Amino acid sequence: MRHMSGQQVQDRGAGWRRVARGGTSVGAGGGGRGVGDWGRMRRMRSEVVTVQTGSRPTVRDITREAESFVAGQGDGLLHVFVPHATAGLAIIETGAGSDDDLLTALDDILPTDDRWRHRHGSRGHGRDHVLPAFVPPYATVPVLDGRLALGTWQSICLVDTNGDNPTRKVRFSFLPG
């Protein structure tokens, strides 16, 4: 038993249970079985897709792939993760020049030159390894009734400045509400 933010937490093997003040159970146990008010917990669904980004810096809209993944899933959260040290994810407008503006801004902030200590790969490749500090390799989007709750002009985009690696993996994970 340990305490977190004024609440007691009891660990039980691979699962967990949070006990609120007054002893009411509000968490989930291991093995996909719920405890207390949550009833039976549904498990997270996860899938990896391959995305071709080419040999030049690119902003690739992956919203359609994300929409397809969450279709019919109900309410929850979509978490998108890029398991690469030289790529990131951005939620931006595309098609009206913002995608090219993002690449231009990244070129201004992270120029492709010889200043980088990380020197394997093509010239300026060190900047690609700094990219995830500015464009993180993850994004989380609410899902309502099996549809992404993005704004009117928002798209989920893979940002890849590393022309040395033209193929990327993207993990979509849906956590039901």
C-alpha atoms as a PDB file:
ATOM      1  CA  MET A   1       0.000   0.000   0.000  1.00  0.00           C
ATOM      2  CA  ARG A   2       1.397   3.447  -0.923  1.00  0.00           C
ATOM      3  CA  HIS A   3      -0.029   6.956  -0.916  1.00  0.00           C
ATOM      4  CA  MET A   4      -0.430   9.256  -3.931  1.00  0.00           C
ATOM      5  CA  SER A   5      -1.957  12.747  -3.688  1.00  0.00           C
ATOM      6  CA  GLY A   6      -3.865  11.963  -0.528  1.00  0.00           C
ATOM      7  CA  GLN A   7      -5.175   8.656  -1.883  1.00  0.00           C
ATOM      8  CA  GLN A   8      -4.233   5.121  -1.001  1.00  0.00           C
ATOM      9  CA  VAL A   9      -3.036   2.902  -3.828  1.00  0.00           C
ATOM     10  CA  GLN A  10      -2.766  -0.852  -3.451  1.00  0.00           C
ATOM     11  CA  ASP A  11      -0.776  -2.781  -6.045  1.00  0.00           C
ATOM     12  CA  ARG A  12      -2.070  -6.232  -6.949  1.00  0.00           C
ATOM     13  CA  GLY A  13       0.223  -8.075  -9.311  1.00  0.00           C
ATOM     14  CA  ALA A  14       0.006  -6.795 -12.895  1.00  0.00           C
ATOM     15  CA  GLY A  15      -3.140  -4.761 -12.150  1.00  0.00           C
ATOM     16  CA  TRP A  16      -3.855  -1.730 -10.057  1.00  0.00           C
ATOM     17  CA  ARG A  17      -6.570  -0.388  -7.864  1.00  0.00           C
ATOM     18  CA  ARG A  18      -6.957   3.169  -6.678  1.00  0.00           C
ATOM     19  CA  VAL A  19      -8.841   3.669  -3.465  1.00  0.00           C
ATOM     20  CA  ALA A  20     -10.263   7.166  -3.055  1.00  0.00           C
ATOM     21  CA  ARG A  21     -10.674   8.848   0.307  1.00  0.00           C
ATOM     22  CA  GLY A  22     -13.277   6.950   2.252  1.00  0.00           C
ATOM     23  CA  GLY A  23     -12.345   3.559   0.795  1.00  0.00           C
ATOM     24  CA  THR A  24     -14.361   3.590  -2.474  1.00  0.00           C
ATOM     25  CA  SER A  25     -12.639   1.610  -5.206  1.00  0.00           C
ATOM     26  CA  VAL A  26     -12.366   3.572  -8.486  1.00  0.00           C
ATOM     27  CA  GLY A  27      -9.713   1.701 -10.465  1.00  0.00           C
ATOM     28  CA  ALA A  28      -9.219  -1.424 -12.528  1.00  0.00           C
ATOM     29  CA  GLY A  29      -7.651  -4.728 -11.616  1.00  0.00           C
ATOM     30  CA  GLY A  30      -5.288  -6.876 -13.668  1.00  0.00           C
ATOM     31  CA  GLY A  31      -6.328  -9.255 -16.407  1.00  0.00           C
ATOM     32  CA  GLY A  32      -8.826  -6.843 -17.943  1.00  0.00           C
ATOM     33  CA  ARG A  33     -11.284  -7.230 -15.068  1.00  0.00           C
ATOM     34  CA  GLY A  34     -12.621  -4.114 -13.423  1.00  0.00           C
ATOM     35  CA  VAL A  35     -12.968  -3.303  -9.752  1.00  0.00           C
ATOM     36  CA  GLY A  36     -15.602  -1.082  -8.223  1.00  0.00           C
ATOM     37  CA  ASP A  37     -17.554   1.435 -10.266  1.00  0.00           C
ATOM     38  CA  TRP A  38     -15.725   0.875 -13.589  1.00  0.00           C
ATOM     39  CA  GLY A  39     -17.007  -2.633 -14.103  1.00  0.00           C
ATOM     40  CA  ARG A  40     -15.272  -4.596 -16.818  1.00  0.00           C
ATOM     41  CA  MET A  41     -12.348  -2.748 -18.433  1.00  0.00           C
ATOM     42  CA  ARG A  42     -11.845  -2.895 -22.191  1.00  0.00           C
ATOM     43  CA  ARG A  43      -8.284  -3.338 -23.386  1.00  0.00           C
ATOM     44  CA  MET A  44      -6.259  -0.922 -25.459  1.00  0.00           C
ATOM     45  CA  ARG A  45      -6.115  -1.722 -29.183  1.00  0.00           C
ATOM     46  CA  SER A  46      -2.835  -1.028 -30.999  1.00  0.00           C
ATOM     47  CA  GLU A  47      -1.570  -1.368 -34.569  1.00  0.00           C
ATOM     48  CA  VAL A  48       1.576  -0.394 -36.486  1.00  0.00           C
ATOM     49  CA  VAL A  49       1.347   0.968 -40.032  1.00  0.00           C
ATOM     50  CA  THR A  50       4.150   1.639 -42.507  1.00  0.00           C
ATOM     51  CA  VAL A  51       4.365   5.091 -44.071  1.00  0.00           C
ATOM     52  CA  GLN A  52       6.536   5.984 -47.061  1.00  0.00           C
ATOM     53  CA  THR A  53       8.061   9.446 -46.596  1.00  0.00           C
ATOM     54  CA  GLY A  54      10.578   9.507 -49.448  1.00  0.00           C
ATOM     55  CA  SER A  55      14.100  10.854 -49.631  1.00  0.00           C
ATOM     56  CA  ARG A  56      13.338  14.536 -48.940  1.00  0.00           C
ATOM     57  CA  PRO A  57      12.006  16.334 -45.857  1.00  0.00           C
ATOM     58  CA  THR A  58       8.252  15.949 -45.772  1.00  0.00           C
ATOM     59  CA  VAL A  59       5.075  16.553 -43.833  1.00  0.00           C
ATOM     60  CA  ARG A  60       2.849  13.543 -44.556  1.00  0.00           C
ATOM     61  CA  ASP A  61      -0.832  13.712 -43.605  1.00  0.00           C
ATOM     62  CA  ILE A  62      -1.798  10.448 -41.846  1.00  0.00           C
ATOM     63  CA  THR A  63      -5.279  11.551 -40.731  1.00  0.00           C
ATOM     64  CA  ARG A  64      -7.056   9.070 -43.050  1.00  0.00           C
ATOM     65  CA  GLU A  65      -5.091   6.174 -41.573  1.00  0.00           C
ATOM     66  CA  ALA A  66      -5.965   7.389 -38.063  1.00  0.00           C
ATOM     67  CA  GLU A  67      -9.658   7.790 -38.973  1.00  0.00           C
ATOM     68  CA  SER A  68      -9.739   4.273 -40.366  1.00  0.00           C
ATOM     69  CA  PHE A  69      -8.140   2.890 -37.201  1.00  0.00           C
ATOM     70  CA  VAL A  70     -10.696   4.466 -34.814  1.00  0.00           C
ATOM     71  CA  ALA A  71     -13.811   3.967 -36.987  1.00  0.00           C
ATOM     72  CA  GLY A  72     -16.511   2.283 -34.951  1.00  0.00           C
ATOM     73  CA  GLN A  73     -14.507   2.296 -31.725  1.00  0.00           C
ATOM     74  CA  GLY A  74     -16.804   4.544 -29.649  1.00  0.00           C
ATOM     75  CA  ASP A  75     -15.425   7.149 -27.242  1.00  0.00           C
ATOM     76  CA  GLY A  76     -11.817   7.185 -26.061  1.00  0.00           C
ATOM     77  CA  LEU A  77      -8.360   8.473 -26.907  1.00  0.00           C
ATOM     78  CA  LEU A  78      -6.190   7.844 -29.941  1.00  0.00           C
ATOM     79  CA  HIS A  79      -2.502   7.935 -29.156  1.00  0.00           C
ATOM     80  CA  VAL A  80      -0.172   8.143 -32.162  1.00  0.00           C
ATOM     81  CA  PHE A  81       3.523   7.331 -31.699  1.00  0.00           C
ATOM     82  CA  VAL A  82       6.471   7.314 -34.095  1.00  0.00           C
ATOM     83  CA  PRO A  83       9.182   4.927 -32.806  1.00  0.00           C
ATOM     84  CA  HIS A  84      12.015   6.742 -34.575  1.00  0.00           C
ATOM     85  CA  ALA A  85      14.761   9.047 -33.286  1.00  0.00           C
ATOM     86  CA  THR A  86      14.465  11.347 -36.315  1.00  0.00           C
ATOM     87  CA  ALA A  87      10.738  11.952 -36.904  1.00  0.00           C
ATOM     88  CA  GLY A  88       7.837  13.598 -35.119  1.00  0.00           C
ATOM     89  CA  LEU A  89       4.104  14.247 -35.235  1.00  0.00           C
ATOM     90  CA  ALA A  90       2.301  17.558 -35.612  1.00  0.00           C
ATOM     91  CA  ILE A  91      -1.370  18.463 -35.633  1.00  0.00           C
ATOM     92  CA  ILE A  92      -1.558  21.244 -38.211  1.00  0.00           C
ATOM     93  CA  GLU A  93      -3.455  22.491 -41.237  1.00  0.00           C
ATOM     94  CA  THR A  94      -2.254  21.005 -44.520  1.00  0.00           C
ATOM     95  CA  GLY A  95      -2.763  21.884 -48.165  1.00  0.00           C
ATOM     96  CA  ALA A  96      -2.760  25.657 -47.695  1.00  0.00           C
ATOM     97  CA  GLY A  97       0.999  26.036 -47.331  1.00  0.00           C
ATOM     98  CA  SER A  98       1.317  25.373 -43.585  1.00  0.00           C
ATOM     99  CA  ASP A  99       3.074  22.066 -44.195  1.00  0.00           C
ATOM    100  CA  ASP A 100       5.739  23.802 -46.331  1.00  0.00           C
ATOM    101  CA  ASP A 101       5.910  26.641 -43.782  1.00  0.00           C
ATOM    102  CA  LEU A 102       6.644  24.103 -41.059  1.00  0.00           C
ATOM    103  CA  LEU A 103       9.521  22.609 -43.066  1.00  0.00           C
ATOM    104  CA  THR A 104      10.886  26.120 -43.756  1.00  0.00           C
ATOM    105  CA  ALA A 105      10.681  27.006 -40.056  1.00  0.00           C
ATOM    106  CA  LEU A 106      12.476  23.771 -39.145  1.00  0.00           C
ATOM    107  CA  ASP A 107      15.190  24.579 -41.699  1.00  0.00           C
ATOM    108  CA  ASP A 108      15.606  28.001 -40.046  1.00  0.00           C
ATOM    109  CA  ILE A 109      15.772  26.549 -36.528  1.00  0.00           C
ATOM    110  CA  LEU A 110      17.638  23.354 -37.432  1.00  0.00           C
ATOM    111  CA  PRO A 111      19.751  24.073 -40.526  1.00  0.00           C
ATOM    112  CA  THR A 112      21.234  21.273 -42.593  1.00  0.00           C
ATOM    113  CA  ASP A 113      24.900  22.077 -42.133  1.00  0.00           C
ATOM    114  CA  ASP A 114      28.030  20.810 -40.370  1.00  0.00           C
ATOM    115  CA  ARG A 115      27.386  22.382 -36.936  1.00  0.00           C
ATOM    116  CA  TRP A 116      25.977  19.150 -35.498  1.00  0.00           C
ATOM    117  CA  ARG A 117      28.116  16.863 -33.323  1.00  0.00           C
ATOM    118  CA  HIS A 118      26.036  13.853 -34.362  1.00  0.00           C
ATOM    119  CA  ARG A 119      27.664  13.232 -37.750  1.00  0.00           C
ATOM    120  CA  HIS A 120      26.744   9.852 -39.262  1.00  0.00           C
ATOM    121  CA  GLY A 121      24.494   9.810 -42.313  1.00  0.00           C
ATOM    122  CA  SER A 122      24.048  12.596 -44.837  1.00  0.00           C
ATOM    123  CA  ARG A 123      25.278  16.166 -44.323  1.00  0.00           C
ATOM    124  CA  GLY A 124      23.425  17.855 -41.476  1.00  0.00           C
ATOM    125  CA  HIS A 125      21.837  14.603 -40.298  1.00  0.00           C
ATOM    126  CA  GLY A 126      22.501  15.621 -36.686  1.00  0.00           C
ATOM    127  CA  ARG A 127      19.618  18.063 -36.948  1.00  0.00           C
ATOM    128  CA  ASP A 128      17.267  15.159 -37.657  1.00  0.00           C
ATOM    129  CA  HIS A 129      18.124  13.744 -34.232  1.00  0.00           C
ATOM    130  CA  VAL A 130      17.244  17.085 -32.592  1.00  0.00           C
ATOM    131  CA  LEU A 131      13.885  17.331 -34.416  1.00  0.00           C
ATOM    132  CA  PRO A 132      11.861  15.332 -31.817  1.00  0.00           C
ATOM    133  CA  ALA A 133      12.700  17.979 -29.192  1.00  0.00           C
ATOM    134  CA  PHE A 134      10.739  20.473 -31.324  1.00  0.00           C
ATOM    135  CA  VAL A 135       8.203  18.167 -33.004  1.00  0.00           C
ATOM    136  CA  PRO A 136       7.485  15.362 -30.504  1.00  0.00           C
ATOM    137  CA  PRO A 137       7.143  11.739 -31.646  1.00  0.00           C
ATOM    138  CA  TYR A 138       3.637  11.449 -30.193  1.00  0.00           C
ATOM    139  CA  ALA A 139       0.178  13.020 -30.256  1.00  0.00           C
ATOM    140  CA  THR A 140      -3.088  12.217 -28.492  1.00  0.00           C
ATOM    141  CA  VAL A 141      -6.494  13.019 -29.999  1.00  0.00           C
ATOM    142  CA  PRO A 142      -9.947  12.585 -28.427  1.00  0.00           C
ATOM    143  CA  VAL A 143     -12.267  10.154 -30.201  1.00  0.00           C
ATOM    144  CA  LEU A 144     -16.030  10.659 -29.931  1.00  0.00           C
ATOM    145  CA  ASP A 145     -18.377   7.998 -31.252  1.00  0.00           C
ATOM    146  CA  GLY A 146     -15.602   6.469 -33.371  1.00  0.00           C
ATOM    147  CA  ARG A 147     -14.544   9.775 -34.970  1.00  0.00           C
ATOM    148  CA  LEU A 148     -11.481  11.938 -34.385  1.00  0.00           C
ATOM    149  CA  ALA A 149     -12.376  15.132 -32.525  1.00  0.00           C
ATOM    150  CA  LEU A 150     -10.021  17.338 -34.568  1.00  0.00           C
ATOM    151  CA  GLY A 151     -10.708  20.968 -35.394  1.00  0.00           C
ATOM    152  CA  THR A 152     -11.966  21.977 -38.840  1.00  0.00           C
ATOM    153  CA  TRP A 153      -8.533  22.511 -40.389  1.00  0.00           C
ATOM    154  CA  GLN A 154      -6.482  20.132 -38.248  1.00  0.00           C
ATOM    155  CA  SER A 155      -4.686  17.075 -39.610  1.00  0.00           C
ATOM    156  CA  ILE A 156      -2.396  14.551 -37.954  1.00  0.00           C
ATOM    157  CA  CYS A 157       0.939  14.748 -39.771  1.00  0.00           C
ATOM    158  CA  LEU A 158       4.142  12.749 -39.721  1.00  0.00           C
ATOM    159  CA  VAL A 159       7.078  15.165 -39.913  1.00  0.00           C
ATOM    160  CA  ASP A 160      10.211  13.580 -41.348  1.00  0.00           C
ATOM    161  CA  THR A 161      13.300  15.617 -42.188  1.00  0.00           C
ATOM    162  CA  ASN A 162      15.524  12.535 -42.532  1.00  0.00           C
ATOM    163  CA  GLY A 163      15.894  11.625 -46.202  1.00  0.00           C
ATOM    164  CA  ASP A 164      18.204   8.744 -45.221  1.00  0.00           C
ATOM    165  CA  ASN A 165      15.195   6.720 -43.974  1.00  0.00           C
ATOM    166  CA  PRO A 166      12.306   6.797 -46.498  1.00  0.00           C
ATOM    167  CA  THR A 167      10.125   4.280 -44.636  1.00  0.00           C
ATOM    168  CA  ARG A 168       8.601   4.955 -41.213  1.00  0.00           C
ATOM    169  CA  LYS A 169       6.480   3.035 -38.748  1.00  0.00           C
ATOM    170  CA  VAL A 170       3.592   4.706 -36.940  1.00  0.00           C
ATOM    171  CA  ARG A 171       1.807   3.106 -33.986  1.00  0.00           C
ATOM    172  CA  PHE A 172      -1.873   3.886 -33.472  1.00  0.00           C
ATOM    173  CA  SER A 173      -3.266   2.962 -30.047  1.00  0.00           C
ATOM    174  CA  PHE A 174      -6.904   3.374 -29.028  1.00  0.00           C
ATOM    175  CA  LEU A 175      -7.779   3.531 -25.361  1.00  0.00           C
ATOM    176  CA  PRO A 176     -11.542   3.146 -24.845  1.00  0.00           C
ATOM    177  CA  GLY A 177     -13.289   5.615 -22.538  1.00  0.00           C
END
